[in-house]
Amino acid sequence: MPDHHNVIEFSDVAFSYSDGKTIFRDLSLGLEAGRFYLINGPSGSGKSTLLRLINRLEEPIRGSIFFNGRKLSAYSPPELRRSLLYRACA
């Protein structure tokens, strides 16, 4: 059940690549509107995969991702991508 204070919410998400490498197992995370988040970690820890899941470039093998209280899978990729903004800072 999504928390409607969170714009993006991961609920018990699992993801593995086709080579069998598990990236996330039971990931639960809420991102609130109007806040800035730093995603930091070593190479291969899932930073880019997290963004690929939000953007529906990858799909979780288990669990749900919500955007504004609605399952991410209910949005078409173009509709979703018009609603999101990423800013990469080096």
PDB file of N, CA and C in Angstrom:
ATOM      1  N   MET A   1       0.845  -1.180   0.000  1.00  0.00           N
ATOM      2  CA  MET A   1       0.000   0.000   0.000  1.00  0.00           C
ATOM      3  C   MET A   1       0.891   1.244   0.000  1.00  0.00           C
ATOM      4  N   PRO A   2       0.758   2.107  -1.015  1.00  0.00           N
ATOM      5  CA  PRO A   2       1.641   3.265  -1.093  1.00  0.00           C
ATOM      6  C   PRO A   2       1.328   4.315  -0.034  1.00  0.00           C
ATOM      7  N   ASP A   3       2.365   5.004   0.402  1.00  0.00           N
ATOM      8  CA  ASP A   3       2.242   6.147   1.296  1.00  0.00           C
ATOM      9  C   ASP A   3       2.085   7.375   0.400  1.00  0.00           C
ATOM     10  N   HIS A   4       0.958   8.064   0.492  1.00  0.00           N
ATOM     11  CA  HIS A   4       0.680   9.155  -0.446  1.00  0.00           C
ATOM     12  C   HIS A   4       1.494  10.418  -0.185  1.00  0.00           C
ATOM     13  N   HIS A   5       2.351  10.417   0.845  1.00  0.00           N
ATOM     14  CA  HIS A   5       3.287  11.516   1.027  1.00  0.00           C
ATOM     15  C   HIS A   5       4.508  11.329   0.130  1.00  0.00           C
ATOM     16  N   ASN A   6       4.716  10.113  -0.326  1.00  0.00           N
ATOM     17  CA  ASN A   6       5.855   9.809  -1.186  1.00  0.00           C
ATOM     18  C   ASN A   6       5.446   9.940  -2.645  1.00  0.00           C
ATOM     19  N   VAL A   7       6.270  10.606  -3.435  1.00  0.00           N
ATOM     20  CA  VAL A   7       6.012  10.693  -4.864  1.00  0.00           C
ATOM     21  C   VAL A   7       6.423   9.384  -5.523  1.00  0.00           C
ATOM     22  N   ILE A   8       7.560   8.844  -5.117  1.00  0.00           N
ATOM     23  CA  ILE A   8       8.036   7.565  -5.640  1.00  0.00           C
ATOM     24  C   ILE A   8       8.233   6.639  -4.454  1.00  0.00           C
ATOM     25  N   GLU A   9       7.680   5.448  -4.565  1.00  0.00           N
ATOM     26  CA  GLU A   9       7.810   4.487  -3.476  1.00  0.00           C
ATOM     27  C   GLU A   9       8.107   3.096  -4.022  1.00  0.00           C
ATOM     28  N   PHE A  10       9.152   2.491  -3.479  1.00  0.00           N
ATOM     29  CA  PHE A  10       9.501   1.105  -3.769  1.00  0.00           C
ATOM     30  C   PHE A  10       8.976   0.266  -2.611  1.00  0.00           C
ATOM     31  N   SER A  11       8.246  -0.790  -2.925  1.00  0.00           N
ATOM     32  CA  SER A  11       7.691  -1.655  -1.892  1.00  0.00           C
ATOM     33  C   SER A  11       8.124  -3.098  -2.142  1.00  0.00           C
ATOM     34  N   ASP A  12       9.059  -3.588  -1.330  1.00  0.00           N
ATOM     35  CA  ASP A  12       9.560  -4.967  -1.415  1.00  0.00           C
ATOM     36  C   ASP A  12      10.028  -5.338  -2.822  1.00  0.00           C
ATOM     37  N   VAL A  13      10.757  -4.439  -3.464  1.00  0.00           N
ATOM     38  CA  VAL A  13      11.213  -4.641  -4.843  1.00  0.00           C
ATOM     39  C   VAL A  13      12.454  -5.525  -4.878  1.00  0.00           C
ATOM     40  N   ALA A  14      12.439  -6.462  -5.815  1.00  0.00           N
ATOM     41  CA  ALA A  14      13.609  -7.300  -6.098  1.00  0.00           C
ATOM     42  C   ALA A  14      13.945  -7.132  -7.573  1.00  0.00           C
ATOM     43  N   PHE A  15      15.239  -7.120  -7.870  1.00  0.00           N
ATOM     44  CA  PHE A  15      15.676  -7.011  -9.259  1.00  0.00           C
ATOM     45  C   PHE A  15      16.988  -7.753  -9.442  1.00  0.00           C
ATOM     46  N   SER A  16      17.055  -8.524 -10.512  1.00  0.00           N
ATOM     47  CA  SER A  16      18.281  -9.217 -10.926  1.00  0.00           C
ATOM     48  C   SER A  16      18.433  -9.045 -12.425  1.00  0.00           C
ATOM     49  N   TYR A  17      19.657  -8.923 -12.873  1.00  0.00           N
ATOM     50  CA  TYR A  17      19.918  -8.891 -14.312  1.00  0.00           C
ATOM     51  C   TYR A  17      19.894 -10.312 -14.863  1.00  0.00           C
ATOM     52  N   SER A  18      19.818 -10.430 -16.185  1.00  0.00           N
ATOM     53  CA  SER A  18      19.699 -11.745 -16.833  1.00  0.00           C
ATOM     54  C   SER A  18      20.902 -12.651 -16.561  1.00  0.00           C
ATOM     55  N   ASP A  19      22.044 -12.069 -16.206  1.00  0.00           N
ATOM     56  CA  ASP A  19      23.215 -12.896 -15.880  1.00  0.00           C
ATOM     57  C   ASP A  19      23.132 -13.480 -14.469  1.00  0.00           C
ATOM     58  N   GLY A  20      22.028 -13.179 -13.760  1.00  0.00           N
ATOM     59  CA  GLY A  20      21.810 -13.728 -12.428  1.00  0.00           C
ATOM     60  C   GLY A  20      22.281 -12.840 -11.293  1.00  0.00           C
ATOM     61  N   LYS A  21      22.942 -11.720 -11.617  1.00  0.00           N
ATOM     62  CA  LYS A  21      23.436 -10.828 -10.562  1.00  0.00           C
ATOM     63  C   LYS A  21      22.256 -10.117  -9.897  1.00  0.00           C
ATOM     64  N   THR A  22      22.085 -10.363  -8.604  1.00  0.00           N
ATOM     65  CA  THR A  22      21.019  -9.721  -7.838  1.00  0.00           C
ATOM     66  C   THR A  22      21.466  -8.323  -7.437  1.00  0.00           C
ATOM     67  N   ILE A  23      20.638  -7.337  -7.764  1.00  0.00           N
ATOM     68  CA  ILE A  23      20.940  -5.945  -7.435  1.00  0.00           C
ATOM     69  C   ILE A  23      20.151  -5.502  -6.210  1.00  0.00           C
ATOM     70  N   PHE A  24      18.850  -5.811  -6.200  1.00  0.00           N
ATOM     71  CA  PHE A  24      17.996  -5.464  -5.061  1.00  0.00           C
ATOM     72  C   PHE A  24      17.231  -6.692  -4.608  1.00  0.00           C
ATOM     73  N   ARG A  25      17.076  -6.805  -3.301  1.00  0.00           N
ATOM     74  CA  ARG A  25      16.295  -7.879  -2.687  1.00  0.00           C
ATOM     75  C   ARG A  25      15.478  -7.219  -1.580  1.00  0.00           C
ATOM     76  N   ASP A  26      14.167  -7.169  -1.735  1.00  0.00           N
ATOM     77  CA  ASP A  26      13.271  -6.576  -0.721  1.00  0.00           C
ATOM     78  C   ASP A  26      13.559  -5.094  -0.462  1.00  0.00           C
ATOM     79  N   LEU A  27      13.775  -4.325  -1.523  1.00  0.00           N
ATOM     80  CA  LEU A  27      14.019  -2.887  -1.391  1.00  0.00           C
ATOM     81  C   LEU A  27      12.708  -2.162  -1.107  1.00  0.00           C
ATOM     82  N   SER A  28      12.661  -1.430  -0.014  1.00  0.00           N
ATOM     83  CA  SER A  28      11.533  -0.557   0.312  1.00  0.00           C
ATOM     84  C   SER A  28      12.104   0.830   0.580  1.00  0.00           C
ATOM     85  N   LEU A  29      11.578   1.818  -0.143  1.00  0.00           N
ATOM     86  CA  LEU A  29      12.151   3.158  -0.109  1.00  0.00           C
ATOM     87  C   LEU A  29      11.081   4.150  -0.525  1.00  0.00           C
ATOM     88  N   GLY A  30      10.963   5.267   0.174  1.00  0.00           N
ATOM     89  CA  GLY A  30      10.032   6.320  -0.204  1.00  0.00           C
ATOM     90  C   GLY A  30      10.766   7.615  -0.476  1.00  0.00           C
ATOM     91  N   LEU A  31      10.442   8.262  -1.592  1.00  0.00           N
ATOM     92  CA  LEU A  31      11.038   9.541  -1.967  1.00  0.00           C
ATOM     93  C   LEU A  31       9.937  10.593  -1.979  1.00  0.00           C
ATOM     94  N   GLU A  32      10.105  11.636  -1.189  1.00  0.00           N
ATOM     95  CA  GLU A  32       9.093  12.675  -1.055  1.00  0.00           C
ATOM     96  C   GLU A  32       9.286  13.782  -2.085  1.00  0.00           C
ATOM     97  N   ALA A  33       8.191  14.429  -2.449  1.00  0.00           N
ATOM     98  CA  ALA A  33       8.228  15.561  -3.374  1.00  0.00           C
ATOM     99  C   ALA A  33       8.953  16.734  -2.734  1.00  0.00           C
ATOM    100  N   GLY A  34       9.661  17.499  -3.558  1.00  0.00           N
ATOM    101  CA  GLY A  34      10.308  18.711  -3.095  1.00  0.00           C
ATOM    102  C   GLY A  34      11.596  18.511  -2.325  1.00  0.00           C
ATOM    103  N   ARG A  35      12.078  17.292  -2.266  1.00  0.00           N
ATOM    104  CA  ARG A  35      13.314  16.993  -1.535  1.00  0.00           C
ATOM    105  C   ARG A  35      14.393  16.613  -2.542  1.00  0.00           C
ATOM    106  N   PHE A  36      15.632  16.775  -2.146  1.00  0.00           N
ATOM    107  CA  PHE A  36      16.763  16.354  -2.959  1.00  0.00           C
ATOM    108  C   PHE A  36      17.366  15.117  -2.314  1.00  0.00           C
ATOM    109  N   TYR A  37      17.745  14.160  -3.153  1.00  0.00           N
ATOM    110  CA  TYR A  37      18.321  12.912  -2.659  1.00  0.00           C
ATOM    111  C   TYR A  37      19.649  12.666  -3.339  1.00  0.00           C
ATOM    112  N   LEU A  38      20.598  12.188  -2.582  1.00  0.00           N
ATOM    113  CA  LEU A  38      21.899  11.786  -3.097  1.00  0.00           C
ATOM    114  C   LEU A  38      21.918  10.268  -3.147  1.00  0.00           C
ATOM    115  N   ILE A  39      22.204   9.739  -4.312  1.00  0.00           N
ATOM    116  CA  ILE A  39      22.346   8.288  -4.472  1.00  0.00           C
ATOM    117  C   ILE A  39      23.834   8.037  -4.639  1.00  0.00           C
ATOM    118  N   ASN A  40      24.425   7.387  -3.659  1.00  0.00           N
ATOM    119  CA  ASN A  40      25.868   7.226  -3.609  1.00  0.00           C
ATOM    120  C   ASN A  40      26.203   5.772  -3.295  1.00  0.00           C
ATOM    121  N   GLY A  41      27.242   5.260  -3.912  1.00  0.00           N
ATOM    122  CA  GLY A  41      27.682   3.906  -3.625  1.00  0.00           C
ATOM    123  C   GLY A  41      28.736   3.473  -4.612  1.00  0.00           C
ATOM    124  N   PRO A  42      29.386   2.356  -4.333  1.00  0.00           N
ATOM    125  CA  PRO A  42      30.428   1.870  -5.238  1.00  0.00           C
ATOM    126  C   PRO A  42      29.840   1.380  -6.559  1.00  0.00           C
ATOM    127  N   SER A  43      30.706   1.209  -7.518  1.00  0.00           N
ATOM    128  CA  SER A  43      30.309   0.678  -8.817  1.00  0.00           C
ATOM    129  C   SER A  43      29.604  -0.665  -8.638  1.00  0.00           C
ATOM    130  N   GLY A  44      28.470  -0.813  -9.317  1.00  0.00           N
ATOM    131  CA  GLY A  44      27.736  -2.073  -9.258  1.00  0.00           C
ATOM    132  C   GLY A  44      26.781  -2.202  -8.089  1.00  0.00           C
ATOM    133  N   SER A  45      26.608  -1.130  -7.313  1.00  0.00           N
ATOM    134  CA  SER A  45      25.746  -1.227  -6.127  1.00  0.00           C
ATOM    135  C   SER A  45      24.272  -0.967  -6.410  1.00  0.00           C
ATOM    136  N   GLY A  46      23.932  -0.537  -7.639  1.00  0.00           N
ATOM    137  CA  GLY A  46      22.530  -0.377  -8.005  1.00  0.00           C
ATOM    138  C   GLY A  46      22.050   1.045  -8.215  1.00  0.00           C
ATOM    139  N   LYS A  47      22.955   2.015  -8.229  1.00  0.00           N
ATOM    140  CA  LYS A  47      22.549   3.418  -8.401  1.00  0.00           C
ATOM    141  C   LYS A  47      21.842   3.629  -9.735  1.00  0.00           C
ATOM    142  N   SER A  48      22.462   3.234 -10.813  1.00  0.00           N
ATOM    143  CA  SER A  48      21.862   3.399 -12.138  1.00  0.00           C
ATOM    144  C   SER A  48      20.641   2.511 -12.304  1.00  0.00           C
ATOM    145  N   THR A  49      20.678   1.326 -11.739  1.00  0.00           N
ATOM    146  CA  THR A  49      19.535   0.412 -11.823  1.00  0.00           C
ATOM    147  C   THR A  49      18.320   1.018 -11.143  1.00  0.00           C
ATOM    148  N   LEU A  50      18.513   1.681 -10.017  1.00  0.00           N
ATOM    149  CA  LEU A  50      17.415   2.349  -9.323  1.00  0.00           C
ATOM    150  C   LEU A  50      16.738   3.353 -10.256  1.00  0.00           C
ATOM    151  N   LEU A  51      17.521   4.165 -10.949  1.00  0.00           N
ATOM    152  CA  LEU A  51      16.964   5.145 -11.879  1.00  0.00           C
ATOM    153  C   LEU A  51      16.337   4.475 -13.090  1.00  0.00           C
ATOM    154  N   ARG A  52      16.916   3.384 -13.557  1.00  0.00           N
ATOM    155  CA  ARG A  52      16.341   2.647 -14.692  1.00  0.00           C
ATOM    156  C   ARG A  52      14.987   2.037 -14.312  1.00  0.00           C
ATOM    157  N   LEU A  53      14.843   1.591 -13.080  1.00  0.00           N
ATOM    158  CA  LEU A  53      13.558   1.058 -12.616  1.00  0.00           C
ATOM    159  C   LEU A  53      12.513   2.168 -12.527  1.00  0.00           C
ATOM    160  N   ILE A  54      12.890   3.320 -12.009  1.00  0.00           N
ATOM    161  CA  ILE A  54      11.959   4.446 -11.917  1.00  0.00           C
ATOM    162  C   ILE A  54      11.492   4.868 -13.300  1.00  0.00           C
ATOM    163  N   ASN A  55      12.370   4.816 -14.265  1.00  0.00           N
ATOM    164  CA  ASN A  55      12.075   5.253 -15.631  1.00  0.00           C
ATOM    165  C   ASN A  55      11.473   4.150 -16.501  1.00  0.00           C
ATOM    166  N   ARG A  56      11.268   2.966 -15.934  1.00  0.00           N
ATOM    167  CA  ARG A  56      10.728   1.783 -16.609  1.00  0.00           C
ATOM    168  C   ARG A  56      11.604   1.298 -17.766  1.00  0.00           C
ATOM    169  N   LEU A  57      12.890   1.544 -17.669  1.00  0.00           N
ATOM    170  CA  LEU A  57      13.818   0.942 -18.619  1.00  0.00           C
ATOM    171  C   LEU A  57      14.124  -0.488 -18.199  1.00  0.00           C
ATOM    172  N   GLU A  58      13.853  -0.791 -16.943  1.00  0.00           N
ATOM    173  CA  GLU A  58      13.931  -2.146 -16.383  1.00  0.00           C
ATOM    174  C   GLU A  58      12.667  -2.355 -15.564  1.00  0.00           C
ATOM    175  N   GLU A  59      12.277  -3.621 -15.369  1.00  0.00           N
ATOM    176  CA  GLU A  59      11.098  -3.950 -14.566  1.00  0.00           C
ATOM    177  C   GLU A  59      11.528  -4.831 -13.395  1.00  0.00           C
ATOM    178  N   PRO A  60      10.954  -4.606 -12.211  1.00  0.00           N
ATOM    179  CA  PRO A  60      11.312  -5.453 -11.066  1.00  0.00           C
ATOM    180  C   PRO A  60      10.822  -6.883 -11.267  1.00  0.00           C
ATOM    181  N   ILE A  61      11.518  -7.841 -10.667  1.00  0.00           N
ATOM    182  CA  ILE A  61      11.057  -9.231 -10.742  1.00  0.00           C
ATOM    183  C   ILE A  61      10.047  -9.530  -9.642  1.00  0.00           C
ATOM    184  N   ARG A  62      10.016  -8.665  -8.626  1.00  0.00           N
ATOM    185  CA  ARG A  62       9.045  -8.824  -7.544  1.00  0.00           C
ATOM    186  C   ARG A  62       8.847  -7.469  -6.879  1.00  0.00           C
ATOM    187  N   GLY A  63       7.699  -7.280  -6.272  1.00  0.00           N
ATOM    188  CA  GLY A  63       7.403  -6.040  -5.568  1.00  0.00           C
ATOM    189  C   GLY A  63       6.760  -5.019  -6.487  1.00  0.00           C
ATOM    190  N   SER A  64       6.537  -3.834  -5.952  1.00  0.00           N
ATOM    191  CA  SER A  64       5.856  -2.774  -6.699  1.00  0.00           C
ATOM    192  C   SER A  64       6.576  -1.450  -6.527  1.00  0.00           C
ATOM    193  N   ILE A  65       6.461  -0.630  -7.570  1.00  0.00           N
ATOM    194  CA  ILE A  65       6.954   0.742  -7.528  1.00  0.00           C
ATOM    195  C   ILE A  65       5.747   1.630  -7.807  1.00  0.00           C
ATOM    196  N   PHE A  66       5.588   2.676  -6.991  1.00  0.00           N
ATOM    197  CA  PHE A  66       4.458   3.588  -7.136  1.00  0.00           C
ATOM    198  C   PHE A  66       4.962   4.982  -7.472  1.00  0.00           C
ATOM    199  N   PHE A  67       4.189   5.693  -8.287  1.00  0.00           N
ATOM    200  CA  PHE A  67       4.451   7.087  -8.621  1.00  0.00           C
ATOM    201  C   PHE A  67       3.160   7.850  -8.371  1.00  0.00           C
ATOM    202  N   ASN A  68       3.193   8.798  -7.456  1.00  0.00           N
ATOM    203  CA  ASN A  68       1.996   9.546  -7.050  1.00  0.00           C
ATOM    204  C   ASN A  68       0.857   8.626  -6.630  1.00  0.00           C
ATOM    205  N   GLY A  69       1.183   7.552  -5.910  1.00  0.00           N
ATOM    206  CA  GLY A  69       0.177   6.635  -5.385  1.00  0.00           C
ATOM    207  C   GLY A  69      -0.367   5.627  -6.377  1.00  0.00           C
ATOM    208  N   ARG A  70       0.116   5.662  -7.597  1.00  0.00           N
ATOM    209  CA  ARG A  70      -0.348   4.761  -8.659  1.00  0.00           C
ATOM    210  C   ARG A  70       0.806   3.843  -9.053  1.00  0.00           C
ATOM    211  N   LYS A  71       0.505   2.572  -9.318  1.00  0.00           N
ATOM    212  CA  LYS A  71       1.575   1.652  -9.732  1.00  0.00           C
ATOM    213  C   LYS A  71       2.278   2.187 -10.971  1.00  0.00           C
ATOM    214  N   LEU A  72       3.583   2.129 -10.943  1.00  0.00           N
ATOM    215  CA  LEU A  72       4.390   2.610 -12.055  1.00  0.00           C
ATOM    216  C   LEU A  72       4.012   1.903 -13.352  1.00  0.00           C
ATOM    217  N   SER A  73       3.679   0.622 -13.263  1.00  0.00           N
ATOM    218  CA  SER A  73       3.327  -0.154 -14.459  1.00  0.00           C
ATOM    219  C   SER A  73       2.033   0.330 -15.111  1.00  0.00           C
ATOM    220  N   ALA A  74       1.239   1.157 -14.417  1.00  0.00           N
ATOM    221  CA  ALA A  74       0.004   1.700 -14.989  1.00  0.00           C
ATOM    222  C   ALA A  74       0.286   2.867 -15.938  1.00  0.00           C
ATOM    223  N   TYR A  75       1.483   3.434 -15.858  1.00  0.00           N
ATOM    224  CA  TYR A  75       1.868   4.532 -16.742  1.00  0.00           C
ATOM    225  C   TYR A  75       2.537   3.973 -17.988  1.00  0.00           C
ATOM    226  N   SER A  76       2.254   4.574 -19.129  1.00  0.00           N
ATOM    227  CA  SER A  76       3.033   4.221 -20.318  1.00  0.00           C
ATOM    228  C   SER A  76       4.413   4.857 -20.139  1.00  0.00           C
ATOM    229  N   PRO A  77       5.456   4.238 -20.689  1.00  0.00           N
ATOM    230  CA  PRO A  77       6.785   4.849 -20.544  1.00  0.00           C
ATOM    231  C   PRO A  77       6.847   6.313 -20.998  1.00  0.00           C
ATOM    232  N   PRO A  78       6.246   6.695 -22.160  1.00  0.00           N
ATOM    233  CA  PRO A  78       6.311   8.120 -22.533  1.00  0.00           C
ATOM    234  C   PRO A  78       5.604   9.032 -21.519  1.00  0.00           C
ATOM    235  N   GLU A  79       4.444   8.601 -21.013  1.00  0.00           N
ATOM    236  CA  GLU A  79       3.709   9.397 -20.022  1.00  0.00           C
ATOM    237  C   GLU A  79       4.551   9.579 -18.759  1.00  0.00           C
ATOM    238  N   LEU A  80       5.156   8.513 -18.320  1.00  0.00           N
ATOM    239  CA  LEU A  80       5.979   8.550 -17.118  1.00  0.00           C
ATOM    240  C   LEU A  80       7.182   9.468 -17.311  1.00  0.00           C
ATOM    241  N   ARG A  81       7.857   9.339 -18.415  1.00  0.00           N
ATOM    242  CA  ARG A  81       9.082  10.108 -18.665  1.00  0.00           C
ATOM    243  C   ARG A  81       8.808  11.605 -18.810  1.00  0.00           C
ATOM    244  N   ARG A  82       7.591  11.975 -19.213  1.00  0.00           N
ATOM    245  CA  ARG A  82       7.229  13.396 -19.258  1.00  0.00           C
ATOM    246  C   ARG A  82       7.026  13.965 -17.852  1.00  0.00           C
ATOM    247  N   SER A  83       6.839  13.098 -16.874  1.00  0.00           N
ATOM    248  CA  SER A  83       6.523  13.518 -15.503  1.00  0.00           C
ATOM    249  C   SER A  83       7.730  13.535 -14.574  1.00  0.00           C
ATOM    250  N   LEU A  84       8.885  13.091 -15.040  1.00  0.00           N
ATOM    251  CA  LEU A  84      10.068  12.952 -14.187  1.00  0.00           C
ATOM    252  C   LEU A  84      11.205  13.837 -14.670  1.00  0.00           C
ATOM    253  N   LEU A  85      12.024  14.269 -13.730  1.00  0.00           N
ATOM    254  CA  LEU A  85      13.215  15.041 -14.053  1.00  0.00           C
ATOM    255  C   LEU A  85      14.376  14.489 -13.237  1.00  0.00           C
ATOM    256  N   TYR A  86      15.479  14.228 -13.896  1.00  0.00           N
ATOM    257  CA  TYR A  86      16.702  13.794 -13.220  1.00  0.00           C
ATOM    258  C   TYR A  86      17.745  14.868 -13.428  1.00  0.00           C
ATOM    259  N   ARG A  87      18.561  15.040 -12.430  1.00  0.00           N
ATOM    260  CA  ARG A  87      19.678  15.962 -12.576  1.00  0.00           C
ATOM    261  C   ARG A  87      20.929  15.266 -12.072  1.00  0.00           C
ATOM    262  N   ALA A  88      21.851  15.051 -12.969  1.00  0.00           N
ATOM    263  CA  ALA A  88      23.119  14.415 -12.604  1.00  0.00           C
ATOM    264  C   ALA A  88      24.123  15.510 -12.263  1.00  0.00           C
ATOM    265  N   CYS A  89      24.716  15.396 -11.118  1.00  0.00           N
ATOM    266  CA  CYS A  89      25.729  16.365 -10.683  1.00  0.00           C
ATOM    267  C   CYS A  89      27.060  15.646 -10.546  1.00  0.00           C
ATOM    268  N   ALA A  90      28.069  16.216 -11.134  1.00  0.00           N
ATOM    269  CA  ALA A  90      29.394  15.598 -11.053  1.00  0.00           C
ATOM    270  C   ALA A  90      30.253  16.312 -10.048  1.00  0.00           C
TER     271      ALA A  90
END
